[in-house]
Protein backbone atom coordinates (compact mmCIF):
# COMPACT_ATOMS: atom_id res chain seq x y z
CA LYS A 1 21.69 49.89 24.89
CA GLU A 2 20.67 50.15 28.53
CA ARG A 3 22.55 53.47 28.82
CA GLU A 4 20.77 54.77 25.70
CA GLY A 5 17.24 53.77 26.56
CA GLY A 6 17.25 51.38 29.51
CA PRO A 7 16.27 47.71 29.71
CA GLY A 8 12.76 48.46 28.41
CA ARG A 9 14.08 49.62 25.04
CA ALA A 10 16.33 46.54 24.69
CA GLN A 11 13.39 44.28 25.44
CA GLY A 12 11.34 46.14 22.86
CA LEU A 13 14.01 45.60 20.20
CA ILE A 14 14.11 41.85 20.93
CA GLN A 15 10.32 41.68 20.75
CA THR A 16 10.27 43.56 17.42
CA GLN A 17 12.87 41.19 15.97
CA SER A 18 10.84 38.17 17.14
CA GLU A 19 7.70 39.59 15.52
CA LYS A 20 9.52 40.16 12.22
CA MET A 21 10.89 36.60 12.34
CA ALA A 22 7.41 35.22 13.03
CA GLU A 23 6.01 37.12 10.04
CA SER A 24 8.65 35.64 7.72
CA ARG A 25 8.12 32.01 8.78
CA ASP A 26 5.77 29.76 6.81
CA ALA A 27 3.22 27.28 8.13
CA ALA A 28 5.55 24.31 7.77
CA SER A 29 8.28 26.04 9.79
CA ASP A 30 5.80 26.89 12.55
CA GLN A 31 4.23 23.43 12.80
CA LEU A 32 5.43 22.89 16.39
CA LYS A 33 4.12 26.27 17.48
CA TYR A 34 0.71 25.50 15.97
CA TRP A 35 0.66 22.13 17.71
CA GLN A 36 1.45 23.77 21.05
CA CYS A 37 -1.29 26.35 20.52
CA SER A 38 -3.81 23.60 19.74
CA ARG A 39 -3.18 22.19 23.22
CA ALA A 40 -3.24 25.46 25.12
CA ASP A 41 -6.28 24.43 27.18
CA LYS A 42 -4.98 20.94 27.96
CA ASN A 43 -2.64 19.64 30.64
CA VAL A 44 0.84 18.51 29.63
CA ASP A 45 0.84 14.74 28.99
CA THR A 46 2.67 12.41 31.33
CA LEU A 47 5.78 10.94 29.70
CA THR A 48 5.51 7.14 29.58
CA THR A 49 7.21 4.05 28.22
CA GLY A 50 5.71 2.15 25.30
CA TRP A 51 3.69 0.04 27.76
CA GLY A 52 2.34 3.10 29.57
CA GLN A 53 4.53 3.28 32.69
CA PRO A 54 5.22 6.90 33.78
CA ILE A 55 8.91 7.88 33.42
CA GLY A 56 10.64 9.72 36.24
CA ASP A 57 13.92 10.66 34.48
CA LYS A 58 14.42 10.95 30.71
CA LEU A 59 17.95 12.40 30.81
CA ASN A 60 20.06 9.89 32.77
CA VAL A 61 20.46 6.14 32.43
CA ILE A 62 20.75 3.90 35.51
CA THR A 63 24.42 3.23 36.30
CA ALA A 64 26.45 1.57 39.03
CA GLY A 65 27.75 4.78 40.55
CA PRO A 66 28.23 8.13 38.80
CA ARG A 67 31.03 6.75 36.61
CA GLY A 68 30.02 3.11 36.46
CA PRO A 69 28.49 1.06 33.61
CA LEU A 70 24.78 1.13 32.90
CA LEU A 71 22.55 -1.71 34.14
CA MET A 72 20.42 -4.09 32.11
CA GLN A 73 17.56 -3.40 34.54
CA ASP A 74 17.11 0.04 32.93
CA SER A 75 14.04 -1.09 30.99
CA VAL A 76 13.17 2.52 30.17
CA PHE A 77 16.43 2.95 28.24
CA ILE A 78 16.13 -0.48 26.58
CA ASP A 79 12.56 0.29 25.50
CA GLU A 80 13.73 3.57 23.99
CA MET A 81 16.73 2.17 22.11
CA ALA A 82 15.11 -1.07 20.95
CA HIS A 83 12.31 0.91 19.33
CA PHE A 84 14.73 3.46 17.86
CA ASP A 85 16.73 0.66 16.22
CA ARG A 86 13.58 -0.42 14.39
CA GLU A 87 12.12 2.95 13.37
CA ARG A 88 12.93 2.65 9.67
CA ILE A 89 10.99 0.41 7.33
CA PRO A 90 12.38 -0.55 3.89
CA GLU A 91 12.51 2.41 1.54
CA ARG A 92 10.43 2.22 -1.61
CA VAL A 93 12.62 1.05 -4.49
CA VAL A 94 10.98 3.69 -6.69
CA HIS A 95 9.00 6.76 -5.62
CA ALA A 96 10.99 6.79 -2.37
CA LYS A 97 10.52 10.50 -1.60
CA GLY A 98 7.11 12.10 -1.65
CA ALA A 99 4.43 14.28 -0.12
CA GLY A 100 0.89 13.34 0.86
CA ALA A 101 -2.42 15.09 1.40
CA PHE A 102 -6.10 14.32 1.88
CA GLY A 103 -9.32 15.72 0.46
CA PHE A 104 -12.32 14.74 -1.61
CA PHE A 105 -13.45 13.91 -5.12
CA GLU A 106 -16.75 15.43 -6.27
CA VAL A 107 -18.73 14.23 -9.30
CA THR A 108 -19.69 17.05 -11.66
CA HIS A 109 -20.83 15.10 -14.74
CA ASP A 110 -22.79 11.89 -15.25
CA ILE A 111 -20.83 9.02 -16.85
CA SER A 112 -23.24 6.21 -15.92
CA LYS A 113 -23.47 5.26 -19.62
CA TYR A 114 -19.86 4.15 -19.33
CA CYS A 115 -19.28 3.09 -15.71
CA LYS A 116 -21.34 1.69 -12.83
CA ALA A 117 -18.75 2.40 -10.11
CA LYS A 118 -20.62 4.01 -7.21
CA LEU A 119 -18.09 6.79 -6.64
CA PHE A 120 -19.21 8.33 -9.97
CA HIS A 121 -22.93 8.49 -9.07
CA PRO A 122 -24.88 10.68 -8.58
CA VAL A 123 -23.67 14.13 -9.67
CA GLY A 124 -22.63 16.04 -6.55
CA LYS A 125 -21.43 12.95 -4.68
CA ARG A 126 -18.22 13.35 -2.68
CA THR A 127 -15.71 10.59 -1.96
CA SER A 128 -12.78 10.90 0.45
CA VAL A 129 -9.35 10.65 -1.16
CA SER A 130 -5.70 10.46 -0.17
CA VAL A 131 -2.94 11.39 -2.60
CA ARG A 132 0.81 10.86 -2.68
CA PHE A 133 3.06 12.83 -5.03
CA SER A 134 6.67 11.77 -5.48
CA THR A 135 9.82 11.78 -7.50
CA VAL A 136 10.70 8.41 -9.02
CA GLY A 137 14.39 7.58 -9.25
CA GLY A 138 15.91 9.30 -6.22
CA GLU A 139 16.33 8.10 -2.66
CA SER A 140 14.23 9.45 0.22
CA GLY A 141 16.82 12.17 0.89
CA SER A 142 17.09 13.37 -2.71
CA SER A 143 16.03 16.77 -4.02
CA ASP A 144 12.46 17.54 -5.03
CA THR A 145 13.61 19.56 -8.04
CA VAL A 146 15.53 16.99 -10.07
CA ARG A 147 14.59 16.16 -13.65
CA ASP A 148 12.44 13.10 -13.11
CA PRO A 149 8.86 11.94 -13.66
CA ARG A 150 6.57 12.64 -10.71
CA GLY A 151 4.34 10.02 -9.15
CA PHE A 152 0.65 10.96 -8.89
CA ALA A 153 -1.12 8.25 -6.87
CA CYS A 154 -4.73 8.61 -5.64
CA LYS A 155 -6.72 6.44 -3.23
CA PHE A 156 -10.52 6.79 -3.37
CA TYR A 157 -12.28 5.41 -0.27
CA THR A 158 -15.51 4.09 -1.85
CA GLU A 159 -18.36 2.00 -0.42
CA ASP A 160 -17.30 -0.82 -2.76
CA GLY A 161 -13.74 -0.80 -1.46
CA ASN A 162 -10.74 1.36 -2.23
CA TRP A 163 -9.85 2.41 -5.76
CA ASP A 164 -6.14 3.11 -6.21
CA LEU A 165 -5.20 5.02 -9.34
CA THR A 166 -1.41 4.93 -9.39
CA GLY A 167 -0.19 7.22 -12.14
CA ASN A 168 2.42 9.81 -13.02
CA ASN A 169 2.53 13.39 -14.24
CA THR A 170 3.11 12.05 -17.76
CA PRO A 171 0.52 10.36 -20.02
CA ILE A 172 3.10 7.83 -21.24
CA PHE A 173 5.89 5.69 -19.82
CA PHE A 174 9.38 4.57 -20.92
CA ILE A 175 8.64 0.91 -21.65
CA ARG A 176 5.62 -1.23 -22.53
CA ASP A 177 6.75 -4.65 -21.31
CA PRO A 178 7.07 -5.20 -17.52
CA PHE A 179 9.93 -7.64 -18.10
CA LEU A 180 12.16 -4.59 -18.68
CA PHE A 181 11.08 -2.68 -15.58
CA PRO A 182 13.77 -3.89 -13.13
CA SER A 183 16.51 -3.23 -15.68
CA PHE A 184 15.12 0.20 -16.51
CA ILE A 185 15.00 1.19 -12.84
CA HIS A 186 18.54 -0.11 -12.31
CA THR A 187 19.73 2.34 -14.99
CA GLN A 188 18.11 5.19 -13.07
CA LYS A 189 19.71 4.20 -9.79
CA ARG A 190 23.40 3.78 -8.94
CA ASN A 191 26.25 1.91 -10.60
CA PRO A 192 26.76 -1.37 -8.66
CA GLN A 193 30.51 -0.81 -8.39
CA THR A 194 30.97 2.95 -8.04
CA HIS A 195 27.65 3.64 -6.29
CA LEU A 196 27.32 6.74 -8.50
CA LYS A 197 24.67 7.76 -11.01
CA ASP A 198 25.97 6.55 -14.35
CA ALA A 199 25.22 8.21 -17.71
CA ASP A 200 26.51 5.14 -19.57
CA MET A 201 23.89 2.94 -17.89
CA THR A 202 21.09 5.40 -18.54
CA TRP A 203 21.79 6.18 -22.19
CA ASP A 204 22.92 2.70 -23.11
CA PHE A 205 19.47 1.44 -22.14
CA PHE A 206 17.61 4.33 -23.76
CA SER A 207 19.54 4.05 -27.02
CA LEU A 208 18.84 0.30 -27.18
CA ARG A 209 15.09 0.72 -26.59
CA PRO A 210 13.49 3.18 -29.06
CA GLU A 211 10.11 2.93 -27.28
CA THR A 212 11.64 5.16 -24.57
CA LEU A 213 11.84 8.14 -26.97
CA HIS A 214 8.35 9.47 -26.25
CA GLN A 215 8.71 9.64 -22.48
CA LEU A 216 12.33 10.69 -22.85
CA SER A 217 11.36 13.71 -24.94
CA PHE A 218 8.67 14.65 -22.45
CA LEU A 219 11.13 14.27 -19.55
CA TYR A 220 13.80 16.51 -21.07
CA SER A 221 11.28 19.16 -22.10
CA ASP A 222 10.25 21.97 -19.74
CA ARG A 223 7.75 19.67 -18.05
CA GLY A 224 10.57 17.46 -16.79
CA ILE A 225 10.93 19.74 -13.74
CA PRO A 226 7.46 20.82 -12.54
CA ASP A 227 7.20 23.75 -10.13
CA GLY A 228 6.11 21.72 -7.12
CA PHE A 229 3.30 19.19 -7.11
CA ARG A 230 0.39 21.63 -7.42
CA HIS A 231 1.26 22.84 -10.92
CA MET A 232 1.35 19.54 -12.79
CA ASN A 233 -1.20 17.23 -14.35
CA GLY A 234 -1.74 13.62 -13.37
CA TYR A 235 -2.49 10.64 -15.58
CA GLY A 236 -3.52 7.05 -15.04
CA SER A 237 -1.24 6.47 -18.07
CA HIS A 238 -2.45 2.90 -18.62
CA THR A 239 -5.54 1.82 -20.49
CA PHE A 240 -8.36 0.61 -18.23
CA LYS A 241 -11.77 -0.90 -18.82
CA LEU A 242 -15.06 0.66 -17.68
CA VAL A 243 -18.24 -1.43 -17.31
CA ASN A 244 -21.77 -0.04 -16.93
CA ASP A 245 -24.75 -1.61 -15.14
CA ARG A 246 -25.79 -3.37 -18.37
CA GLN A 247 -22.38 -5.12 -18.52
CA GLU A 248 -21.38 -3.06 -21.54
CA ALA A 249 -17.69 -2.25 -21.56
CA VAL A 250 -15.36 0.33 -23.10
CA TYR A 251 -11.67 1.05 -22.73
CA CYS A 252 -10.61 4.30 -21.10
CA LYS A 253 -7.78 6.52 -19.91
CA PHE A 254 -7.86 8.77 -16.82
CA HIS A 255 -6.62 12.37 -16.70
CA PHE A 256 -6.21 14.93 -13.90
CA LYS A 257 -5.76 18.51 -15.17
CA THR A 258 -4.36 20.96 -12.63
CA ASN A 259 -6.59 23.96 -11.91
CA GLN A 260 -3.55 25.93 -10.74
CA GLY A 261 -2.10 25.99 -14.26
CA ILE A 262 1.04 24.27 -15.53
CA LYS A 263 4.23 25.81 -14.13
CA ASN A 264 7.74 24.47 -14.53
CA LEU A 265 11.13 25.36 -13.08
CA THR A 266 14.05 26.47 -15.19
CA VAL A 267 17.21 24.40 -14.98
CA GLU A 268 18.90 27.23 -13.09
CA ALA A 269 16.08 27.66 -10.56
CA ALA A 270 15.85 23.91 -9.99
CA SER A 271 19.60 23.71 -9.37
CA GLN A 272 19.47 26.54 -6.82
CA LEU A 273 16.55 24.94 -5.00
CA ALA A 274 18.28 21.55 -4.97
CA SER A 275 20.93 23.04 -2.69
CA GLY A 276 18.93 25.79 -0.97
CA ASP A 277 15.63 23.99 -0.33
CA PRO A 278 15.77 20.34 -1.47
CA ASP A 279 12.31 19.75 0.06
CA TYR A 280 10.76 22.56 -1.99
CA SER A 281 7.80 20.61 -3.39
CA ILE A 282 6.84 19.05 -0.05
CA ARG A 283 7.01 22.46 1.64
CA ASP A 284 5.00 24.14 -1.13
CA LEU A 285 2.14 21.63 -0.90
CA TYR A 286 2.04 21.69 2.89
CA ASN A 287 2.01 25.48 3.11
CA ALA A 288 -0.64 25.87 0.41
CA ILE A 289 -3.05 23.58 2.26
CA ALA A 290 -2.17 25.02 5.70
CA THR A 291 -3.04 28.55 4.51
CA GLY A 292 -6.33 27.54 2.87
CA ASN A 293 -5.04 27.65 -0.72
CA PHE A 294 -6.40 24.20 -1.51
CA PRO A 295 -5.06 22.72 -4.77
CA SER A 296 -7.54 21.04 -7.11
CA TRP A 297 -7.61 19.06 -10.32
CA SER A 298 -10.33 18.46 -12.91
CA PHE A 299 -10.85 14.78 -13.67
CA TYR A 300 -11.53 13.51 -17.20
CA ILE A 301 -11.76 10.23 -19.08
CA GLN A 302 -11.08 9.24 -22.67
CA VAL A 303 -13.22 6.43 -24.08
CA MET A 304 -12.48 3.93 -26.87
CA THR A 305 -14.88 1.19 -27.92
CA PHE A 306 -13.73 -2.39 -28.35
CA GLN A 307 -14.34 -2.09 -32.09
CA GLU A 308 -12.17 1.03 -32.31
CA ALA A 309 -9.44 -0.71 -30.33
CA GLN A 310 -9.35 -3.59 -32.82
CA VAL A 311 -8.73 -1.37 -35.85
CA HIS A 312 -6.78 1.56 -34.42
CA ARG A 313 -3.43 2.28 -36.07
CA TRP A 314 -1.65 2.11 -32.70
CA ASN A 315 -1.91 -0.52 -30.02
CA PRO A 316 -4.31 1.11 -27.52
CA PHE A 317 -2.72 -0.90 -24.70
CA ASP A 318 0.79 0.44 -25.37
CA VAL A 319 1.64 2.79 -22.47
CA THR A 320 4.40 4.45 -24.51
CA LYS A 321 1.70 6.07 -26.67
CA VAL A 322 -1.19 8.50 -26.15
CA TRP A 323 -4.70 8.42 -27.54
CA PRO A 324 -5.04 11.55 -29.75
CA HIS A 325 -7.52 13.95 -28.17
CA LYS A 326 -9.00 14.85 -31.57
CA GLU A 327 -10.10 11.26 -32.01
CA PHE A 328 -10.87 10.50 -28.36
CA PRO A 329 -11.80 13.80 -26.67
CA LEU A 330 -11.64 14.37 -22.93
CA ILE A 331 -14.95 13.75 -21.14
CA PRO A 332 -15.37 15.69 -17.86
CA VAL A 333 -16.18 13.68 -14.73
CA GLY A 334 -15.40 15.65 -11.56
CA GLN A 335 -13.02 17.62 -9.37
CA MET A 336 -10.46 16.53 -6.79
CA VAL A 337 -9.65 18.96 -3.97
CA LEU A 338 -6.89 18.50 -1.36
CA ASN A 339 -7.76 20.34 1.85
CA LYS A 340 -6.03 18.47 4.68
CA ASN A 341 -2.37 17.91 5.52
CA PRO A 342 -1.08 14.69 7.10
CA ILE A 343 -1.24 14.61 10.91
CA ASN A 344 1.87 12.43 11.02
CA TYR A 345 4.08 11.84 7.99
CA PHE A 346 5.04 8.26 8.81
CA THR A 347 1.54 6.93 9.50
CA ASP A 348 -0.22 8.99 6.83
CA VAL A 349 2.31 9.08 3.98
CA GLU A 350 5.22 6.68 4.46
CA GLN A 351 2.81 3.82 5.22
CA MET A 352 0.39 4.83 2.46
CA ALA A 353 0.21 1.89 0.04
CA PHE A 354 -1.31 2.04 -3.44
CA ASP A 355 -2.33 -1.10 -5.33
CA PRO A 356 -3.29 -0.84 -9.03
CA SER A 357 -5.22 -4.07 -8.48
CA ASN A 358 -7.61 -2.28 -6.11
CA MET A 359 -10.54 -1.51 -8.41
CA PRO A 360 -14.21 -1.26 -7.38
CA SER A 361 -16.90 -2.90 -9.48
CA GLY A 362 -17.17 -1.02 -12.79
CA ILE A 363 -13.43 -0.43 -13.23
CA GLU A 364 -11.24 -3.27 -14.50
CA PRO A 365 -7.78 -3.81 -16.03
CA SER A 366 -7.21 -3.91 -19.77
CA PRO A 367 -4.66 -6.10 -21.63
CA ASP A 368 -2.05 -3.33 -21.07
CA LYS A 369 1.09 -5.37 -20.32
CA MET A 370 2.65 -2.81 -17.98
CA LEU A 371 -0.57 -2.53 -16.00
CA GLN A 372 -0.83 -6.31 -15.75
CA GLY A 373 2.72 -6.45 -14.36
CA ARG A 374 1.96 -3.77 -11.76
CA LEU A 375 -1.11 -5.67 -10.53
CA PHE A 376 1.29 -8.11 -8.90
CA SER A 377 4.35 -6.00 -8.19
CA TYR A 378 2.75 -3.32 -6.02
CA THR A 379 0.95 -5.63 -3.62
CA ASP A 380 4.07 -7.78 -3.36
CA THR A 381 6.09 -4.67 -2.45
CA HIS A 382 3.66 -3.61 0.28
CA ARG A 383 3.66 -7.04 1.90
CA HIS A 384 7.45 -6.79 1.98
CA ARG A 385 7.61 -3.21 3.31
CA LEU A 386 4.61 -3.15 5.64
CA GLY A 387 3.60 -6.76 6.31
CA ALA A 388 0.73 -9.04 5.39
CA ASN A 389 -1.81 -6.88 7.23
CA TYR A 390 -0.88 -3.55 5.60
CA LEU A 391 -4.51 -3.02 4.56
CA GLN A 392 -5.44 -2.76 8.25
CA LEU A 393 -3.36 0.39 8.65
CA PRO A 394 -5.75 3.36 8.98
CA VAL A 395 -4.52 5.16 5.86
CA ASN A 396 -4.95 2.01 3.75
CA CYS A 397 -8.08 0.42 5.19
CA PRO A 398 -11.31 0.62 3.17
CA PHE A 399 -13.21 2.43 5.93
CA LYS A 400 -16.29 3.12 3.78
CA CYS A 401 -17.17 -0.58 3.66
CA ARG A 402 -17.05 -3.59 5.96
CA VAL A 403 -14.23 -6.06 5.25
CA ALA A 404 -15.43 -9.66 5.62
CA ASN A 405 -13.41 -12.57 4.23
CA TYR A 406 -11.51 -15.71 5.16
CA GLN A 407 -8.10 -14.14 5.72
CA ARG A 408 -6.81 -14.47 9.27
CA ASP A 409 -3.87 -13.80 11.55
CA GLY A 410 -0.44 -12.66 10.34
CA PRO A 411 2.04 -10.25 11.98
CA MET A 412 0.62 -7.09 13.55
CA CYS A 413 -3.06 -7.94 13.12
CA SER A 414 -4.71 -4.84 14.59
CA THR A 415 -8.42 -5.72 14.25
CA ASP A 416 -10.62 -8.23 16.07
CA ASN A 417 -9.43 -10.73 13.41
CA GLN A 418 -13.11 -11.20 12.46
CA GLY A 419 -13.84 -12.75 15.85
CA GLY A 420 -15.37 -16.22 15.81
CA ALA A 421 -16.62 -16.11 12.22
CA PRO A 422 -15.80 -19.17 10.08
CA ASN A 423 -12.32 -19.04 8.57
CA TYR A 424 -13.02 -21.44 5.68
CA TYR A 425 -15.22 -21.39 2.57
CA PRO A 426 -17.69 -22.75 1.73
CA ASN A 427 -19.35 -23.25 5.10
CA SER A 428 -22.78 -23.84 6.64
CA PHE A 429 -22.51 -21.22 9.41
CA SER A 430 -23.48 -17.88 7.84
CA GLY A 431 -20.01 -16.83 6.76
CA PRO A 432 -19.58 -14.10 4.11
CA GLU A 433 -21.10 -14.98 0.73
CA THR A 434 -20.20 -14.02 -2.82
CA GLN A 435 -22.14 -11.37 -4.75
CA PRO A 436 -22.87 -12.34 -8.40
CA LEU A 437 -23.31 -8.67 -9.33
CA ALA A 438 -19.62 -8.16 -8.57
CA LEU A 439 -18.50 -10.63 -11.24
CA GLU A 440 -15.92 -9.22 -13.65
CA HIS A 441 -16.78 -8.43 -17.24
CA SER A 442 -16.01 -11.38 -19.53
CA LEU A 443 -13.34 -11.00 -22.19
CA THR A 444 -12.81 -13.25 -25.21
CA LEU A 445 -9.20 -14.15 -26.04
CA THR A 446 -8.28 -16.21 -29.11
CA ASN A 447 -4.52 -15.75 -29.59
CA ASP A 448 -1.82 -18.33 -28.93
CA VAL A 449 0.16 -18.16 -25.70
CA ALA A 450 3.70 -16.96 -26.54
CA ARG A 451 6.30 -14.28 -25.85
CA TYR A 452 5.42 -11.62 -28.44
CA ASN A 453 8.07 -9.14 -29.52
CA SER A 454 6.75 -5.59 -30.01
CA SER A 455 9.95 -4.16 -31.51
CA ASN A 456 8.25 -3.66 -34.88
CA ASP A 457 5.75 -1.17 -33.43
CA ASP A 458 5.90 2.47 -34.53
CA ASP A 459 8.04 4.18 -31.88
CA TYR A 460 8.65 7.44 -33.74
CA SER A 461 5.56 9.11 -35.25
CA GLN A 462 3.99 10.20 -31.95
CA VAL A 463 7.36 11.57 -30.81
CA THR A 464 7.60 13.50 -34.07
CA ALA A 465 4.16 14.99 -33.43
CA PHE A 466 5.21 15.96 -29.90
CA TYR A 467 8.40 17.59 -31.18
CA LEU A 468 6.80 19.53 -34.05
CA GLN A 469 3.22 20.19 -32.95
CA VAL A 470 3.29 20.37 -29.14
CA LEU A 471 6.58 22.20 -28.63
CA ASN A 472 7.39 25.61 -30.08
CA ALA A 473 10.86 26.56 -31.35
CA ASP A 474 12.13 27.77 -27.97
CA GLU A 475 10.80 24.68 -26.21
CA ARG A 476 12.48 22.45 -28.79
CA ARG A 477 15.76 24.29 -28.25
CA ARG A 478 15.56 23.80 -24.47
CA LEU A 479 14.64 20.12 -24.94
CA CYS A 480 17.78 19.59 -27.04
CA GLU A 481 19.94 21.51 -24.56
CA ASN A 482 18.62 19.52 -21.61
CA LEU A 483 19.03 16.19 -23.36
CA ALA A 484 22.51 16.95 -24.68
CA GLY A 485 23.53 18.25 -21.24
CA HIS A 486 23.07 14.75 -19.84
CA LEU A 487 23.90 12.64 -22.89
CA LYS A 488 27.34 14.31 -23.13
CA ASP A 489 28.49 12.29 -20.12
CA ALA A 490 27.92 8.98 -21.92
CA GLN A 491 30.53 7.31 -24.12
CA LEU A 492 30.80 8.34 -27.78
CA PHE A 493 29.38 5.14 -29.23
CA ILE A 494 26.31 5.53 -27.02
CA GLN A 495 25.95 9.20 -28.03
CA ASN A 496 26.07 8.22 -31.71
CA ARG A 497 23.53 5.46 -31.29
CA MET A 498 21.18 7.88 -29.53
CA LEU A 499 21.61 10.43 -32.32
CA CYS A 500 20.50 7.80 -34.83
CA LEU A 501 17.26 7.33 -32.91
CA LEU A 502 16.65 11.08 -32.66
CA ASN A 503 17.18 11.40 -36.40
CA LYS A 504 14.34 8.93 -36.96
CA VAL A 505 12.10 11.24 -34.94
CA HIS A 506 13.14 14.34 -36.91
CA PRO A 507 16.44 15.45 -38.51
CA ASP A 508 16.31 18.78 -36.68
CA TYR A 509 16.06 16.99 -33.32
CA ALA A 510 19.24 15.05 -34.02
CA ALA A 511 21.02 18.01 -35.60
CA GLN A 512 20.51 20.29 -32.60
CA VAL A 513 21.63 17.64 -30.13
CA ARG A 514 24.60 16.68 -32.32
CA ALA A 515 25.79 20.29 -32.53
CA LEU A 516 25.67 20.63 -28.76
CA LEU A 517 27.51 17.35 -28.23
CA GLU A 518 30.21 18.25 -30.76
CA LYS A 519 30.73 21.59 -29.04
CA HIS A 520 31.19 19.84 -25.72
CA ASN A 521 33.32 17.00 -27.08
CA SER A 522 35.68 19.42 -28.82
CA LYS A 523 36.48 20.92 -25.43
CA HIS A 524 36.47 17.61 -23.56
CA PRO A 525 37.64 14.92 -26.00
CA GLN A 526 36.83 11.29 -25.20
CA LYS A 527 38.47 8.07 -26.21
CA ALA A 528 35.99 6.00 -28.16
CA VAL A 529 36.45 2.89 -26.02
CA ILE A 530 34.12 0.61 -24.14
CA ARG A 531 35.10 0.16 -20.52
CA THR A 532 34.28 -3.27 -19.14
CA TYR A 533 34.20 -4.37 -15.53
CA SER A 534 35.36 -7.80 -14.45
CA ARG A 535 34.60 -9.72 -11.31
CA HIS A 536 38.17 -11.05 -11.47
CA ALA A 537 41.05 -8.69 -10.67
CA SER A 538 43.73 -8.12 -13.31
CA SER A 539 47.42 -8.59 -12.50
CA THR A 540 47.77 -4.80 -12.14
CA GLU A 541 44.80 -4.65 -9.80
CA ARG A 542 46.15 -7.56 -7.75
CA SER A 543 49.50 -5.79 -7.36
CA ASN A 544 47.69 -2.81 -5.87
CA LEU A 545 45.89 -4.85 -3.24
């Protein structure tokens, strides 16, 4: 090249290639370059230890001679390694992998007749929000494009404390009793012996619990693999209670409708991305915000009076069912816009903690059993993962109000610990006092305390409506293909039990899935046996030890 045009031409070719590469890189790929540019007018920081001592050499440990052992006096090395050994905190059991962003919620319509919560008043008011999107069943290193519900959790930083709306991209859930939640999640995780995903576990549970049919049909439809996080709706899923300033209450459901439009990935596209770009959804959200293409959602409520709840044909507190929009239409409330990426993923997203029990005055829980179970479980999880003072972390703290209470101390207390204020209540020394206006709405309960079985509830009619009225013929075909494509890996007796449930939804649903299973089973015949696993080794197994 130098003989053809000299060193100048070679340098020009290298520069042209660099420019083309720069043009093809997205904002996420160039994050380090942008960070460097943001500090162009600043001096390079001095490298220090965790306690602030400047470091003279970051490449070589202190040793006794060039080939000798390292010395315990190398506190710089020990500081580095001791911290490195403790970098990971416990992974979330569910919703382990996710993306986060920040923005604002703006009120566009007055709902003061229903709710007194200050974040909804007046029209035009803006409230800061943080949001975490996630997959549910996979580990933190899993693919973003698997068939799985997506978490849709929002934290509103209000002057009456944080409101955490922890929902999904589906308006329903698999089960309605929290007692079943650990078992359900176990079926979505790994077999305790093989450490592999297990179709027998998954479909055995589903086929034994018909209330899963609604969410199951949604999951195996096209919406089971959304095209990133920007093109999906979000739902509070549960039933909540709204209270106005006259202490009048109604039940409600919360809905976020994407303003980007619903887009889903085909099975083929999702499979390619799972190997080619497993972080597709995280990258898509980051790049959209970094380039000024801020995603937004319209926020709605549905409202049901207490009288309507008493006589409705379905249990309004059953999270496996929806409230029909024709009977309970969507009422517009506002818009949520995400316009800021995390500065640091660990501090802003991994440590982000959502508590369904965090509700400002005007929003309260309903008798929804699953919601009631989550009121405990989430806070318990955060105290395990992050510690007793997790609400002092910047991303979790209610910075729009002043926290004043009688909680003290605990590991990693990062505030002034409320100074010299009294740490007991009641007291005579001007400690924080209660506010009668913050009292919860009263609720009359007259039933006997017992363990009530809901197995007689109607688990089929809403699924039938979804299959016939929401999905068109092509969408029904793809639903059956997707479901059969996974169910085929379960044992025959489980397949047959699942087909019986699908037949109760609609004969065509079962017929299409049955035809696909028979086609597969004719090529890959199974023995209709139940494999059992024993803690005690058989004589054959012992001989192989």
